[in-house]
Amino acid sequence: MYKEHPSFIPPDDANIKIWRYMDFTKFVAFLDSKSLWFTRADRFGDPFEGSYPKINISARANIPDVSDEERPIVFKLIKGSSEIRRNWVHHVAINCWHMSEHESAAMWSLYLKSNEGIAIQSTYQRLRDSFSQSGDDVYIGKVTYIDYDHEAIENPDILSAFLHKRSSYEHEKELRAIIVRLPRPGLRGLDFSEQTIANGVLVQVVVSLLVQSVYVAPNAPSWLTSLIRSVVKTYGFDFPLIASPLLNAEPQF
């Protein structure tokens, strides 16, 4: 179920359009499972996922005025805190959406290997409300893009690192839904050797509430549109099916 969290900033407009691009087989899997796939944080291509900017790292080294006897203890605590953050990517899973009032040619190219795919068009509010039957707490917020060499994450906590990315990813305009599955406590705190998430997690959603419409990829063959319509009907849904208009407009010279 959706849960508020102080680090997760929602869009200003709850009805902003959001998009999830996928190939046809993943779409069928989505309809069949009635679930969204949340990828484990370290399974993304960005090695900086869940990491902190240089300024935040440097700030940890600013040890307060403590005695020589206390200094090794403080160093140990700082090192332990860093180890916890390093392990956190194994216990966080993320589902990504693109925020835009229009479909994106760049996103079609990024997420589809061919023209046999679709884009689910929803809204922030629909996404939030669709998790009403989920057994996991689901946090949703916008990604903030910053310069990791010269800017810092303000008021950082464990999850804020997963809501910040390098400026080079700013074109993604990403909205993230995140779940956390913590390991069980051991004798010395949380046992991070326990695998709580393998490659990812399926999180149940109310499909009819989540999906506002489905866009079929540009240049998709006509048989694919017919097949998608048939599959959607077979699973008992009737949301609008829209052929992408990206390549339909005629240029004027």
C-alpha atoms as a PDB file:
ATOM      1  CA  MET A   1       0.000   0.000   0.000  1.00  0.00           C
ATOM      2  CA  TYR A   2       1.145   3.529  -0.720  1.00  0.00           C
ATOM      3  CA  LYS A   3       2.819   5.179   2.258  1.00  0.00           C
ATOM      4  CA  GLU A   4       4.050   8.730   2.691  1.00  0.00           C
ATOM      5  CA  HIS A   5       7.699   9.386   3.506  1.00  0.00           C
ATOM      6  CA  PRO A   6       9.389  12.757   4.144  1.00  0.00           C
ATOM      7  CA  SER A   7      12.129  12.118   1.560  1.00  0.00           C
ATOM      8  CA  PHE A   8       9.637  11.401  -1.243  1.00  0.00           C
ATOM      9  CA  ILE A   9       8.407  14.527  -3.003  1.00  0.00           C
ATOM     10  CA  PRO A  10       5.263  14.061  -5.140  1.00  0.00           C
ATOM     11  CA  PRO A  11       4.697  15.990  -8.379  1.00  0.00           C
ATOM     12  CA  ASP A  12       2.982  19.359  -7.986  1.00  0.00           C
ATOM     13  CA  ASP A  13       0.114  18.074 -10.123  1.00  0.00           C
ATOM     14  CA  ALA A  14      -1.337  14.765  -8.939  1.00  0.00           C
ATOM     15  CA  ASN A  15      -2.820  14.245 -12.409  1.00  0.00           C
ATOM     16  CA  ILE A  16       0.439  14.648 -14.301  1.00  0.00           C
ATOM     17  CA  LYS A  17       0.777  12.008 -17.008  1.00  0.00           C
ATOM     18  CA  ILE A  18       3.326   9.278 -16.425  1.00  0.00           C
ATOM     19  CA  TRP A  19       4.540   6.613 -18.852  1.00  0.00           C
ATOM     20  CA  ARG A  20       6.065   3.160 -18.623  1.00  0.00           C
ATOM     21  CA  TYR A  21       7.514   1.793 -21.871  1.00  0.00           C
ATOM     22  CA  MET A  22       7.864  -1.963 -22.370  1.00  0.00           C
ATOM     23  CA  ASP A  23       7.927  -4.677 -25.013  1.00  0.00           C
ATOM     24  CA  PHE A  24       4.855  -6.752 -25.779  1.00  0.00           C
ATOM     25  CA  THR A  25       5.853  -9.813 -23.724  1.00  0.00           C
ATOM     26  CA  LYS A  26       6.373  -7.712 -20.595  1.00  0.00           C
ATOM     27  CA  PHE A  27       2.982  -6.136 -21.133  1.00  0.00           C
ATOM     28  CA  VAL A  28       1.348  -9.571 -21.258  1.00  0.00           C
ATOM     29  CA  ALA A  29       3.221 -10.542 -18.084  1.00  0.00           C
ATOM     30  CA  PHE A  30       1.918  -7.367 -16.434  1.00  0.00           C
ATOM     31  CA  LEU A  31      -1.694  -8.226 -17.339  1.00  0.00           C
ATOM     32  CA  ASP A  32      -1.276 -11.841 -16.289  1.00  0.00           C
ATOM     33  CA  SER A  33       0.333 -11.130 -12.912  1.00  0.00           C
ATOM     34  CA  LYS A  34      -1.592  -7.917 -12.229  1.00  0.00           C
ATOM     35  CA  SER A  35       1.678  -6.693 -10.801  1.00  0.00           C
ATOM     36  CA  LEU A  36       4.424  -4.193 -11.531  1.00  0.00           C
ATOM     37  CA  TRP A  37       8.025  -5.354 -11.609  1.00  0.00           C
ATOM     38  CA  PHE A  38      10.324  -3.594  -9.128  1.00  0.00           C
ATOM     39  CA  THR A  39      13.992  -4.057 -10.033  1.00  0.00           C
ATOM     40  CA  ARG A  40      16.572  -4.455  -7.273  1.00  0.00           C
ATOM     41  CA  ALA A  41      18.532  -1.214  -7.047  1.00  0.00           C
ATOM     42  CA  ASP A  42      21.922  -2.685  -7.968  1.00  0.00           C
ATOM     43  CA  ARG A  43      20.489  -4.326 -11.119  1.00  0.00           C
ATOM     44  CA  PHE A  44      20.241  -1.022 -12.991  1.00  0.00           C
ATOM     45  CA  GLY A  45      22.946   0.086 -15.393  1.00  0.00           C
ATOM     46  CA  ASP A  46      23.923   3.132 -13.316  1.00  0.00           C
ATOM     47  CA  PRO A  47      26.801   2.239 -10.942  1.00  0.00           C
ATOM     48  CA  PHE A  48      25.982   5.354  -8.902  1.00  0.00           C
ATOM     49  CA  GLU A  49      22.561   3.967  -7.903  1.00  0.00           C
ATOM     50  CA  GLY A  50      22.054   4.488  -4.175  1.00  0.00           C
ATOM     51  CA  SER A  51      25.367   6.325  -3.771  1.00  0.00           C
ATOM     52  CA  TYR A  52      26.069   9.799  -2.373  1.00  0.00           C
ATOM     53  CA  PRO A  53      27.753  12.906  -3.831  1.00  0.00           C
ATOM     54  CA  LYS A  54      31.307  13.789  -2.864  1.00  0.00           C
ATOM     55  CA  ILE A  55      30.214  16.610  -0.556  1.00  0.00           C
ATOM     56  CA  ASN A  56      28.052  14.251   1.507  1.00  0.00           C
ATOM     57  CA  ILE A  57      30.907  11.742   1.778  1.00  0.00           C
ATOM     58  CA  SER A  58      33.382  14.435   2.830  1.00  0.00           C
ATOM     59  CA  ALA A  59      30.996  15.727   5.492  1.00  0.00           C
ATOM     60  CA  ARG A  60      31.074  12.355   7.253  1.00  0.00           C
ATOM     61  CA  ALA A  61      34.829  12.735   7.773  1.00  0.00           C
ATOM     62  CA  ASN A  62      34.341  15.936   9.763  1.00  0.00           C
ATOM     63  CA  ILE A  63      34.700  14.324  13.157  1.00  0.00           C
ATOM     64  CA  PRO A  64      33.396  16.489  16.000  1.00  0.00           C
ATOM     65  CA  ASP A  65      35.644  17.659  18.790  1.00  0.00           C
ATOM     66  CA  VAL A  66      36.121  14.440  20.734  1.00  0.00           C
ATOM     67  CA  SER A  67      38.868  13.095  22.940  1.00  0.00           C
ATOM     68  CA  ASP A  68      41.661  10.911  21.610  1.00  0.00           C
ATOM     69  CA  GLU A  69      40.069   7.962  23.397  1.00  0.00           C
ATOM     70  CA  GLU A  70      36.698   8.506  21.714  1.00  0.00           C
ATOM     71  CA  ARG A  71      38.093   9.179  18.232  1.00  0.00           C
ATOM     72  CA  PRO A  72      38.583   5.479  17.230  1.00  0.00           C
ATOM     73  CA  ILE A  73      34.989   4.776  18.298  1.00  0.00           C
ATOM     74  CA  VAL A  74      33.669   7.601  16.123  1.00  0.00           C
ATOM     75  CA  PHE A  75      35.756   6.374  13.170  1.00  0.00           C
ATOM     76  CA  LYS A  76      34.305   2.891  13.633  1.00  0.00           C
ATOM     77  CA  LEU A  77      30.751   4.262  13.662  1.00  0.00           C
ATOM     78  CA  ILE A  78      31.371   6.233  10.454  1.00  0.00           C
ATOM     79  CA  LYS A  79      32.820   3.166   8.754  1.00  0.00           C
ATOM     80  CA  GLY A  80      29.882   1.033   9.908  1.00  0.00           C
ATOM     81  CA  SER A  81      27.424   3.595   8.585  1.00  0.00           C
ATOM     82  CA  SER A  82      29.144   3.525   5.185  1.00  0.00           C
ATOM     83  CA  GLU A  83      28.953  -0.280   5.082  1.00  0.00           C
ATOM     84  CA  ILE A  84      25.218  -0.167   5.790  1.00  0.00           C
ATOM     85  CA  ARG A  85      24.671   2.300   2.932  1.00  0.00           C
ATOM     86  CA  ARG A  86      26.725   0.128   0.590  1.00  0.00           C
ATOM     87  CA  ASN A  87      24.533  -2.894   1.370  1.00  0.00           C
ATOM     88  CA  TRP A  88      21.250  -1.024   1.103  1.00  0.00           C
ATOM     89  CA  VAL A  89      21.038  -1.474  -2.701  1.00  0.00           C
ATOM     90  CA  HIS A  90      20.414  -5.204  -2.128  1.00  0.00           C
ATOM     91  CA  HIS A  91      17.278  -4.516  -0.095  1.00  0.00           C
ATOM     92  CA  VAL A  92      15.631  -1.769  -2.166  1.00  0.00           C
ATOM     93  CA  ALA A  93      13.588  -2.352  -5.342  1.00  0.00           C
ATOM     94  CA  ILE A  94      12.465   0.346  -7.768  1.00  0.00           C
ATOM     95  CA  ASN A  95       9.745   0.794 -10.399  1.00  0.00           C
ATOM     96  CA  CYS A  96      10.393   3.703 -12.784  1.00  0.00           C
ATOM     97  CA  TRP A  97       8.028   5.990 -14.720  1.00  0.00           C
ATOM     98  CA  HIS A  98       8.611   8.900 -17.100  1.00  0.00           C
ATOM     99  CA  MET A  99       6.760  12.123 -16.287  1.00  0.00           C
ATOM    100  CA  SER A 100       5.555  14.042 -19.333  1.00  0.00           C
ATOM    101  CA  GLU A 101       2.371  15.378 -20.862  1.00  0.00           C
ATOM    102  CA  HIS A 102       3.405  13.742 -24.152  1.00  0.00           C
ATOM    103  CA  GLU A 103       4.875  10.425 -25.214  1.00  0.00           C
ATOM    104  CA  SER A 104       8.626  10.475 -25.770  1.00  0.00           C
ATOM    105  CA  ALA A 105      10.498   9.360 -28.882  1.00  0.00           C
ATOM    106  CA  ALA A 106      13.634   9.032 -26.731  1.00  0.00           C
ATOM    107  CA  MET A 107      11.892   6.724 -24.253  1.00  0.00           C
ATOM    108  CA  TRP A 108      10.579   4.506 -27.059  1.00  0.00           C
ATOM    109  CA  SER A 109      14.150   4.102 -28.289  1.00  0.00           C
ATOM    110  CA  LEU A 110      15.581   3.563 -24.825  1.00  0.00           C
ATOM    111  CA  TYR A 111      13.203   0.881 -23.599  1.00  0.00           C
ATOM    112  CA  LEU A 112      12.227  -1.004 -26.763  1.00  0.00           C
ATOM    113  CA  LYS A 113      14.525  -3.218 -28.813  1.00  0.00           C
ATOM    114  CA  SER A 114      12.032  -3.286 -31.696  1.00  0.00           C
ATOM    115  CA  ASN A 115       8.756  -1.663 -32.703  1.00  0.00           C
ATOM    116  CA  GLU A 116       6.768  -4.416 -30.982  1.00  0.00           C
ATOM    117  CA  GLY A 117       5.986  -2.669 -27.749  1.00  0.00           C
ATOM    118  CA  ILE A 118       3.621  -0.454 -25.820  1.00  0.00           C
ATOM    119  CA  ALA A 119       3.569   2.397 -23.321  1.00  0.00           C
ATOM    120  CA  ILE A 120       1.245   2.379 -20.349  1.00  0.00           C
ATOM    121  CA  GLN A 121      -0.037   5.895 -19.776  1.00  0.00           C
ATOM    122  CA  SER A 122      -1.196   6.657 -16.256  1.00  0.00           C
ATOM    123  CA  THR A 123      -1.034   9.505 -13.736  1.00  0.00           C
ATOM    124  CA  TYR A 124       0.737   9.960 -10.434  1.00  0.00           C
ATOM    125  CA  GLN A 125      -2.560   9.700  -8.568  1.00  0.00           C
ATOM    126  CA  ARG A 126      -3.577   6.529 -10.395  1.00  0.00           C
ATOM    127  CA  LEU A 127      -0.209   4.939  -9.645  1.00  0.00           C
ATOM    128  CA  ARG A 128      -0.437   5.887  -5.977  1.00  0.00           C
ATOM    129  CA  ASP A 129      -3.987   4.567  -5.606  1.00  0.00           C
ATOM    130  CA  SER A 130      -3.322   1.355  -7.543  1.00  0.00           C
ATOM    131  CA  PHE A 131      -1.196  -0.088  -4.712  1.00  0.00           C
ATOM    132  CA  SER A 132      -4.204  -0.424  -2.385  1.00  0.00           C
ATOM    133  CA  GLN A 133      -3.929  -4.234  -2.372  1.00  0.00           C
ATOM    134  CA  SER A 134      -0.145  -4.465  -2.098  1.00  0.00           C
ATOM    135  CA  GLY A 135       1.376  -6.221   0.890  1.00  0.00           C
ATOM    136  CA  ASP A 136       4.457  -3.971   0.703  1.00  0.00           C
ATOM    137  CA  ASP A 137       4.717  -0.349   1.789  1.00  0.00           C
ATOM    138  CA  VAL A 138       5.254   1.600  -1.441  1.00  0.00           C
ATOM    139  CA  TYR A 139       6.877   5.041  -1.421  1.00  0.00           C
ATOM    140  CA  ILE A 140       6.561   7.295  -4.483  1.00  0.00           C
ATOM    141  CA  GLY A 141       8.490  10.435  -5.350  1.00  0.00           C
ATOM    142  CA  LYS A 142      10.252  12.473  -8.012  1.00  0.00           C
ATOM    143  CA  VAL A 143      13.927  11.989  -8.788  1.00  0.00           C
ATOM    144  CA  THR A 144      16.132  15.046  -8.286  1.00  0.00           C
ATOM    145  CA  TYR A 145      19.081  15.452 -10.664  1.00  0.00           C
ATOM    146  CA  ILE A 146      22.274  17.014  -9.324  1.00  0.00           C
ATOM    147  CA  ASP A 147      25.989  17.375 -10.033  1.00  0.00           C
ATOM    148  CA  TYR A 148      27.569  14.650  -7.867  1.00  0.00           C
ATOM    149  CA  ASP A 149      30.932  16.431  -7.988  1.00  0.00           C
ATOM    150  CA  HIS A 150      29.746  19.812  -6.713  1.00  0.00           C
ATOM    151  CA  GLU A 151      26.276  19.458  -5.174  1.00  0.00           C
ATOM    152  CA  ALA A 152      24.980  17.595  -2.130  1.00  0.00           C
ATOM    153  CA  ILE A 153      21.865  15.713  -1.108  1.00  0.00           C
ATOM    154  CA  GLU A 154      20.188  17.899   1.492  1.00  0.00           C
ATOM    155  CA  ASN A 155      19.104  16.228   4.729  1.00  0.00           C
ATOM    156  CA  PRO A 156      20.267  12.800   3.527  1.00  0.00           C
ATOM    157  CA  ASP A 157      18.782   9.596   4.881  1.00  0.00           C
ATOM    158  CA  ILE A 158      18.992   5.993   3.709  1.00  0.00           C
ATOM    159  CA  LEU A 159      16.323   6.332   1.003  1.00  0.00           C
ATOM    160  CA  SER A 160      17.163   9.818  -0.266  1.00  0.00           C
ATOM    161  CA  ALA A 161      20.119   8.395  -2.217  1.00  0.00           C
ATOM    162  CA  PHE A 162      17.637   6.462  -4.363  1.00  0.00           C
ATOM    163  CA  LEU A 163      15.779   9.674  -5.202  1.00  0.00           C
ATOM    164  CA  HIS A 164      18.819  11.464  -6.610  1.00  0.00           C
ATOM    165  CA  LYS A 165      20.681  10.824  -9.853  1.00  0.00           C
ATOM    166  CA  ARG A 166      23.438  12.513 -11.788  1.00  0.00           C
ATOM    167  CA  SER A 167      22.483  15.446 -14.025  1.00  0.00           C
ATOM    168  CA  SER A 168      23.280  13.398 -17.147  1.00  0.00           C
ATOM    169  CA  TYR A 169      20.061  11.430 -16.522  1.00  0.00           C
ATOM    170  CA  GLU A 170      17.848  14.505 -16.324  1.00  0.00           C
ATOM    171  CA  HIS A 171      16.136  13.671 -19.628  1.00  0.00           C
ATOM    172  CA  GLU A 172      14.440  10.716 -17.888  1.00  0.00           C
ATOM    173  CA  LYS A 173      12.167  13.010 -15.799  1.00  0.00           C
ATOM    174  CA  GLU A 174      11.742  10.050 -13.515  1.00  0.00           C
ATOM    175  CA  LEU A 175       9.086   9.240 -10.968  1.00  0.00           C
ATOM    176  CA  ARG A 176       9.997   6.315  -8.721  1.00  0.00           C
ATOM    177  CA  ALA A 177       7.978   3.847  -6.711  1.00  0.00           C
ATOM    178  CA  ILE A 178      10.206   2.153  -4.130  1.00  0.00           C
ATOM    179  CA  ILE A 179       9.831  -0.730  -1.702  1.00  0.00           C
ATOM    180  CA  VAL A 180      12.237  -1.816   1.031  1.00  0.00           C
ATOM    181  CA  ARG A 181      12.625  -5.349   2.340  1.00  0.00           C
ATOM    182  CA  LEU A 182      14.941  -5.270   5.323  1.00  0.00           C
ATOM    183  CA  PRO A 183      16.920  -8.298   6.498  1.00  0.00           C
ATOM    184  CA  ARG A 184      16.176  -9.762   9.891  1.00  0.00           C
ATOM    185  CA  PRO A 185      18.045  -8.395  12.913  1.00  0.00           C
ATOM    186  CA  GLY A 186      21.069 -10.412  13.999  1.00  0.00           C
ATOM    187  CA  LEU A 187      23.176 -10.275  17.118  1.00  0.00           C
ATOM    188  CA  ARG A 188      25.057  -7.250  15.760  1.00  0.00           C
ATOM    189  CA  GLY A 189      22.216  -5.441  14.025  1.00  0.00           C
ATOM    190  CA  LEU A 190      20.633  -6.152  10.646  1.00  0.00           C
ATOM    191  CA  ASP A 191      22.029  -9.233   8.925  1.00  0.00           C
ATOM    192  CA  PHE A 192      22.871  -7.866   5.476  1.00  0.00           C
ATOM    193  CA  SER A 193      24.075 -11.278   4.322  1.00  0.00           C
ATOM    194  CA  GLU A 194      20.421 -12.331   4.089  1.00  0.00           C
ATOM    195  CA  GLN A 195      19.001 -11.985   0.580  1.00  0.00           C
ATOM    196  CA  THR A 196      15.574 -10.375   0.838  1.00  0.00           C
ATOM    197  CA  ILE A 197      15.324  -9.481  -2.874  1.00  0.00           C
ATOM    198  CA  ALA A 198      16.837 -11.549  -5.687  1.00  0.00           C
ATOM    199  CA  ASN A 199      16.618  -9.695  -9.005  1.00  0.00           C
ATOM    200  CA  GLY A 200      13.416  -7.885  -8.225  1.00  0.00           C
ATOM    201  CA  VAL A 201       9.898  -8.133  -6.833  1.00  0.00           C
ATOM    202  CA  LEU A 202       6.397  -8.287  -8.329  1.00  0.00           C
ATOM    203  CA  VAL A 203       4.123  -5.855  -6.490  1.00  0.00           C
ATOM    204  CA  GLN A 204       0.381  -6.233  -6.938  1.00  0.00           C
ATOM    205  CA  VAL A 205      -1.623  -3.359  -8.404  1.00  0.00           C
ATOM    206  CA  VAL A 206      -5.226  -2.685  -9.396  1.00  0.00           C
ATOM    207  CA  VAL A 207      -4.681  -2.757 -13.169  1.00  0.00           C
ATOM    208  CA  SER A 208      -7.985  -1.136 -14.116  1.00  0.00           C
ATOM    209  CA  LEU A 209      -7.181   1.791 -11.840  1.00  0.00           C
ATOM    210  CA  LEU A 210      -3.546   2.140 -12.880  1.00  0.00           C
ATOM    211  CA  VAL A 211      -3.911   2.063 -16.670  1.00  0.00           C
ATOM    212  CA  GLN A 212      -5.516   5.120 -18.230  1.00  0.00           C
ATOM    213  CA  SER A 213      -4.621   4.122 -21.792  1.00  0.00           C
ATOM    214  CA  VAL A 214      -2.145   2.012 -23.753  1.00  0.00           C
ATOM    215  CA  TYR A 215      -0.100   3.449 -26.629  1.00  0.00           C
ATOM    216  CA  VAL A 216       1.171   1.119 -29.332  1.00  0.00           C
ATOM    217  CA  ALA A 217       4.739   1.803 -30.492  1.00  0.00           C
ATOM    218  CA  PRO A 218       5.426   3.902 -33.586  1.00  0.00           C
ATOM    219  CA  ASN A 219       5.768   1.775 -36.744  1.00  0.00           C
ATOM    220  CA  ALA A 220       4.221  -1.205 -34.979  1.00  0.00           C
ATOM    221  CA  PRO A 221       2.827  -3.736 -37.488  1.00  0.00           C
ATOM    222  CA  SER A 222      -0.953  -3.784 -37.786  1.00  0.00           C
ATOM    223  CA  TRP A 223      -1.128  -7.361 -36.546  1.00  0.00           C
ATOM    224  CA  LEU A 224       0.428  -6.280 -33.243  1.00  0.00           C
ATOM    225  CA  THR A 225      -2.317  -3.741 -32.584  1.00  0.00           C
ATOM    226  CA  SER A 226      -4.936  -6.401 -33.251  1.00  0.00           C
ATOM    227  CA  LEU A 227      -3.131  -8.864 -30.995  1.00  0.00           C
ATOM    228  CA  ILE A 228      -2.822  -6.359 -28.155  1.00  0.00           C
ATOM    229  CA  ARG A 229      -6.514  -5.545 -28.406  1.00  0.00           C
ATOM    230  CA  SER A 230      -7.342  -9.255 -28.243  1.00  0.00           C
ATOM    231  CA  VAL A 231      -5.031  -9.883 -25.282  1.00  0.00           C
ATOM    232  CA  VAL A 232      -6.414  -6.923 -23.328  1.00  0.00           C
ATOM    233  CA  LYS A 233      -9.962  -8.217 -23.903  1.00  0.00           C
ATOM    234  CA  THR A 234      -8.959 -11.774 -22.915  1.00  0.00           C
ATOM    235  CA  TYR A 235      -7.748 -10.519 -19.538  1.00  0.00           C
ATOM    236  CA  GLY A 236     -11.018  -8.684 -19.008  1.00  0.00           C
ATOM    237  CA  PHE A 237      -9.917  -5.088 -19.511  1.00  0.00           C
ATOM    238  CA  ASP A 238     -11.211  -2.407 -21.858  1.00  0.00           C
ATOM    239  CA  PHE A 239      -8.840   0.539 -21.508  1.00  0.00           C
ATOM    240  CA  PRO A 240      -8.275   2.654 -24.640  1.00  0.00           C
ATOM    241  CA  LEU A 241      -5.695   1.454 -27.161  1.00  0.00           C
ATOM    242  CA  ILE A 242      -3.996   4.286 -29.038  1.00  0.00           C
ATOM    243  CA  ALA A 243      -1.674   4.040 -32.022  1.00  0.00           C
ATOM    244  CA  SER A 244       1.308   6.298 -31.369  1.00  0.00           C
ATOM    245  CA  PRO A 245       0.846   9.526 -33.354  1.00  0.00           C
ATOM    246  CA  LEU A 246       4.571  10.316 -33.389  1.00  0.00           C
ATOM    247  CA  LEU A 247       5.082   9.276 -37.016  1.00  0.00           C
ATOM    248  CA  ASN A 248       1.640  10.159 -38.318  1.00  0.00           C
ATOM    249  CA  ALA A 249       2.030  13.904 -38.582  1.00  0.00           C
ATOM    250  CA  GLU A 250       3.142  15.244 -41.961  1.00  0.00           C
ATOM    251  CA  PRO A 251       6.053  17.709 -41.913  1.00  0.00           C
ATOM    252  CA  GLN A 252       5.501  21.144 -43.432  1.00  0.00           C
ATOM    253  CA  PHE A 253       8.257  22.853 -45.423  1.00  0.00           C
END
